[in-house]
Amino acid sequence: MKITPTDYARAYLAAIARAAAAERVQVTRNLWQAVWRRGHFTWAKRIVEQVHQLLRQQAGTVVVEVVTSRALSEAQQGSLRRDLARAVGKPVELACAVKPHLLGGVVVTWDDRRYDASVKGRLEALYRALAGESSH
């Protein structure tokens, strides 16, 4: 049987759910010992990411990627989180990234949806529209 990072994450969460509060540290130690014994320690980051993803799924939380040209303040993130939660209809966790080449605006992505309200995106759309018109 081939074990994956997701298998480790599911097993860990199941063991934590069954364990008393005082036993949870030992459950965590046991997980990392099993990972080490099987030679999968290079998977540590992916296992932790899978645990987080599974916990978000259980809570019904949606991860929304937000890319801006400059870092958002805490107040801006809070406002955006509330607005997106209303739009999505579920709790939202923001994964913010800064990409100066956007020039301004924001690109928001979740699930298979992508909304590009960046200056770069608008300029590219304008270029495509003009190029399409001039080719006739």
C-alpha atoms as a PDB file:
ATOM      1  CA  MET A   1       0.000   0.000   0.000  1.00  0.00           C
ATOM      2  CA  LYS A   2       1.356   3.374  -1.013  1.00  0.00           C
ATOM      3  CA  ILE A   3       1.086   6.072   1.671  1.00  0.00           C
ATOM      4  CA  THR A   4       0.573   9.723   0.722  1.00  0.00           C
ATOM      5  CA  PRO A   5       0.809  12.970   2.717  1.00  0.00           C
ATOM      6  CA  THR A   6      -2.996  13.058   2.724  1.00  0.00           C
ATOM      7  CA  ASP A   7      -3.085   9.590   4.316  1.00  0.00           C
ATOM      8  CA  TYR A   8      -0.819  10.788   7.117  1.00  0.00           C
ATOM      9  CA  ALA A   9      -2.970  13.894   7.601  1.00  0.00           C
ATOM     10  CA  ARG A  10      -6.224  11.898   7.748  1.00  0.00           C
ATOM     11  CA  ALA A  11      -4.754   9.358  10.161  1.00  0.00           C
ATOM     12  CA  TYR A  12      -3.413  12.132  12.368  1.00  0.00           C
ATOM     13  CA  LEU A  13      -6.735  13.981  12.516  1.00  0.00           C
ATOM     14  CA  ALA A  14      -8.604  10.751  13.259  1.00  0.00           C
ATOM     15  CA  ALA A  15      -6.167   9.903  16.079  1.00  0.00           C
ATOM     16  CA  ILE A  16      -6.381  13.427  17.521  1.00  0.00           C
ATOM     17  CA  ALA A  17     -10.185  13.264  17.475  1.00  0.00           C
ATOM     18  CA  ARG A  18     -10.122  10.035  19.515  1.00  0.00           C
ATOM     19  CA  ALA A  19      -7.379  11.119  21.922  1.00  0.00           C
ATOM     20  CA  ALA A  20      -7.893  12.845  25.228  1.00  0.00           C
ATOM     21  CA  ALA A  21      -6.405  16.336  25.464  1.00  0.00           C
ATOM     22  CA  ALA A  22      -3.477  15.047  27.559  1.00  0.00           C
ATOM     23  CA  GLU A  23      -2.603  12.441  24.901  1.00  0.00           C
ATOM     24  CA  ARG A  24      -2.511  14.761  21.885  1.00  0.00           C
ATOM     25  CA  VAL A  25       1.168  15.659  22.223  1.00  0.00           C
ATOM     26  CA  GLN A  26       2.027  11.936  22.172  1.00  0.00           C
ATOM     27  CA  VAL A  27      -0.205  11.412  19.117  1.00  0.00           C
ATOM     28  CA  THR A  28       1.731  14.162  17.348  1.00  0.00           C
ATOM     29  CA  ARG A  29       5.061  12.584  18.337  1.00  0.00           C
ATOM     30  CA  ASN A  30       3.848   9.217  17.067  1.00  0.00           C
ATOM     31  CA  LEU A  31       2.922  10.747  13.704  1.00  0.00           C
ATOM     32  CA  TRP A  32       6.361  12.273  13.164  1.00  0.00           C
ATOM     33  CA  GLN A  33       8.097   9.098  14.343  1.00  0.00           C
ATOM     34  CA  ALA A  34       6.090   7.064  11.811  1.00  0.00           C
ATOM     35  CA  VAL A  35       6.891   9.575   9.071  1.00  0.00           C
ATOM     36  CA  TRP A  36      10.594   9.410   9.959  1.00  0.00           C
ATOM     37  CA  ARG A  37      10.694   5.586  10.141  1.00  0.00           C
ATOM     38  CA  ARG A  38       9.130   5.306   6.684  1.00  0.00           C
ATOM     39  CA  GLY A  39      11.617   7.768   5.208  1.00  0.00           C
ATOM     40  CA  HIS A  40       8.951  10.326   4.383  1.00  0.00           C
ATOM     41  CA  PHE A  41      10.278  13.248   6.398  1.00  0.00           C
ATOM     42  CA  THR A  42      10.713  15.307   3.229  1.00  0.00           C
ATOM     43  CA  TRP A  43       6.899  15.282   3.127  1.00  0.00           C
ATOM     44  CA  ALA A  44       6.628  17.187   6.424  1.00  0.00           C
ATOM     45  CA  LYS A  45       5.495  20.451   4.839  1.00  0.00           C
ATOM     46  CA  ARG A  46       2.955  18.718   2.592  1.00  0.00           C
ATOM     47  CA  ILE A  47       1.576  16.726   5.531  1.00  0.00           C
ATOM     48  CA  VAL A  48       1.063  19.913   7.550  1.00  0.00           C
ATOM     49  CA  GLU A  49      -0.560  21.602   4.525  1.00  0.00           C
ATOM     50  CA  GLN A  50      -2.898  18.618   4.124  1.00  0.00           C
ATOM     51  CA  VAL A  51      -3.854  18.767   7.815  1.00  0.00           C
ATOM     52  CA  HIS A  52      -4.716  22.447   7.394  1.00  0.00           C
ATOM     53  CA  GLN A  53      -6.677  21.765   4.211  1.00  0.00           C
ATOM     54  CA  LEU A  54      -8.677  18.967   5.831  1.00  0.00           C
ATOM     55  CA  LEU A  55      -9.433  21.157   8.860  1.00  0.00           C
ATOM     56  CA  ARG A  56     -10.622  23.953   6.563  1.00  0.00           C
ATOM     57  CA  GLN A  57     -12.838  21.494   4.696  1.00  0.00           C
ATOM     58  CA  GLN A  58     -14.334  20.264   7.981  1.00  0.00           C
ATOM     59  CA  ALA A  59     -15.039  23.851   9.013  1.00  0.00           C
ATOM     60  CA  GLY A  60     -16.458  24.729   5.592  1.00  0.00           C
ATOM     61  CA  THR A  61     -13.826  27.436   5.123  1.00  0.00           C
ATOM     62  CA  VAL A  62     -12.846  28.534   1.621  1.00  0.00           C
ATOM     63  CA  VAL A  63      -9.278  29.612   0.873  1.00  0.00           C
ATOM     64  CA  VAL A  64      -9.232  32.680  -1.359  1.00  0.00           C
ATOM     65  CA  GLU A  65      -5.993  33.758  -3.031  1.00  0.00           C
ATOM     66  CA  VAL A  66      -5.654  37.528  -3.141  1.00  0.00           C
ATOM     67  CA  VAL A  67      -2.832  39.036  -5.205  1.00  0.00           C
ATOM     68  CA  THR A  68      -2.153  42.772  -5.066  1.00  0.00           C
ATOM     69  CA  SER A  69       0.633  45.082  -6.189  1.00  0.00           C
ATOM     70  CA  ARG A  70       1.261  46.220  -2.587  1.00  0.00           C
ATOM     71  CA  ALA A  71       0.697  44.524   0.760  1.00  0.00           C
ATOM     72  CA  LEU A  72      -2.783  44.956   2.226  1.00  0.00           C
ATOM     73  CA  SER A  73      -3.137  46.402   5.718  1.00  0.00           C
ATOM     74  CA  GLU A  74      -4.844  44.349   8.427  1.00  0.00           C
ATOM     75  CA  ALA A  75      -7.922  46.580   8.094  1.00  0.00           C
ATOM     76  CA  GLN A  76      -8.023  46.046   4.308  1.00  0.00           C
ATOM     77  CA  GLN A  77      -7.646  42.289   4.758  1.00  0.00           C
ATOM     78  CA  GLY A  78     -10.446  42.235   7.334  1.00  0.00           C
ATOM     79  CA  SER A  79     -12.785  44.215   5.103  1.00  0.00           C
ATOM     80  CA  LEU A  80     -11.954  42.045   2.089  1.00  0.00           C
ATOM     81  CA  ARG A  81     -12.399  38.857   4.144  1.00  0.00           C
ATOM     82  CA  ARG A  82     -15.888  39.983   5.258  1.00  0.00           C
ATOM     83  CA  ASP A  83     -16.929  40.992   1.736  1.00  0.00           C
ATOM     84  CA  LEU A  84     -15.646  37.753   0.219  1.00  0.00           C
ATOM     85  CA  ALA A  85     -17.325  35.654   2.933  1.00  0.00           C
ATOM     86  CA  ARG A  86     -20.618  37.325   2.016  1.00  0.00           C
ATOM     87  CA  ALA A  87     -20.017  36.686  -1.695  1.00  0.00           C
ATOM     88  CA  VAL A  88     -18.907  33.063  -1.210  1.00  0.00           C
ATOM     89  CA  GLY A  89     -21.460  32.279   1.482  1.00  0.00           C
ATOM     90  CA  LYS A  90     -18.864  30.552   3.679  1.00  0.00           C
ATOM     91  CA  PRO A  91     -16.070  31.541   6.053  1.00  0.00           C
ATOM     92  CA  VAL A  92     -13.010  32.714   4.119  1.00  0.00           C
ATOM     93  CA  GLU A  93      -9.294  32.387   4.770  1.00  0.00           C
ATOM     94  CA  LEU A  94      -7.148  34.776   2.748  1.00  0.00           C
ATOM     95  CA  ALA A  95      -3.883  33.692   1.146  1.00  0.00           C
ATOM     96  CA  CYS A  96      -2.341  37.053   0.283  1.00  0.00           C
ATOM     97  CA  ALA A  97       0.536  37.572  -2.121  1.00  0.00           C
ATOM     98  CA  VAL A  98       2.229  40.686  -3.464  1.00  0.00           C
ATOM     99  CA  LYS A  99       3.196  40.975  -7.133  1.00  0.00           C
ATOM    100  CA  PRO A 100       4.300  44.506  -8.030  1.00  0.00           C
ATOM    101  CA  HIS A 101       3.941  43.822 -11.781  1.00  0.00           C
ATOM    102  CA  LEU A 102       0.135  44.071 -11.374  1.00  0.00           C
ATOM    103  CA  LEU A 103       0.648  47.854 -11.104  1.00  0.00           C
ATOM    104  CA  GLY A 104      -2.506  48.236  -8.967  1.00  0.00           C
ATOM    105  CA  GLY A 105      -5.842  46.587  -8.258  1.00  0.00           C
ATOM    106  CA  VAL A 106      -6.394  43.000  -7.187  1.00  0.00           C
ATOM    107  CA  VAL A 107      -6.692  39.452  -8.550  1.00  0.00           C
ATOM    108  CA  VAL A 108      -8.963  37.164  -6.500  1.00  0.00           C
ATOM    109  CA  THR A 109      -9.053  33.397  -7.044  1.00  0.00           C
ATOM    110  CA  TRP A 110     -10.982  30.605  -5.323  1.00  0.00           C
ATOM    111  CA  ASP A 111     -12.047  27.192  -6.534  1.00  0.00           C
ATOM    112  CA  ASP A 112     -12.250  27.587 -10.319  1.00  0.00           C
ATOM    113  CA  ARG A 113     -13.172  31.272 -10.242  1.00  0.00           C
ATOM    114  CA  ARG A 114     -10.760  34.102 -11.049  1.00  0.00           C
ATOM    115  CA  TYR A 115     -11.560  37.807 -10.937  1.00  0.00           C
ATOM    116  CA  ASP A 116      -8.883  40.084 -12.324  1.00  0.00           C
ATOM    117  CA  ALA A 117      -9.401  43.715 -11.368  1.00  0.00           C
ATOM    118  CA  SER A 118      -5.716  44.591 -11.690  1.00  0.00           C
ATOM    119  CA  VAL A 119      -4.381  47.422 -13.817  1.00  0.00           C
ATOM    120  CA  LYS A 120      -2.242  44.908 -15.693  1.00  0.00           C
ATOM    121  CA  GLY A 121      -5.283  42.716 -16.389  1.00  0.00           C
ATOM    122  CA  ARG A 122      -7.314  45.671 -17.602  1.00  0.00           C
ATOM    123  CA  LEU A 123      -4.501  46.837 -19.884  1.00  0.00           C
ATOM    124  CA  GLU A 124      -4.144  43.323 -21.327  1.00  0.00           C
ATOM    125  CA  ALA A 125      -7.915  43.138 -21.936  1.00  0.00           C
ATOM    126  CA  LEU A 126      -7.793  46.541 -23.656  1.00  0.00           C
ATOM    127  CA  TYR A 127      -4.851  45.393 -25.791  1.00  0.00           C
ATOM    128  CA  ARG A 128      -6.694  42.213 -26.810  1.00  0.00           C
ATOM    129  CA  ALA A 129      -9.805  44.218 -27.676  1.00  0.00           C
ATOM    130  CA  LEU A 130      -7.850  46.717 -29.769  1.00  0.00           C
ATOM    131  CA  ALA A 131      -5.812  44.003 -31.459  1.00  0.00           C
ATOM    132  CA  GLY A 132      -9.002  42.110 -32.291  1.00  0.00           C
ATOM    133  CA  GLU A 133     -10.587  45.238 -33.801  1.00  0.00           C
ATOM    134  CA  SER A 134      -7.522  46.154 -35.865  1.00  0.00           C
ATOM    135  CA  SER A 135      -7.226  42.701 -37.421  1.00  0.00           C
ATOM    136  CA  HIS A 136     -10.579  43.122 -39.272  1.00  0.00           C
END
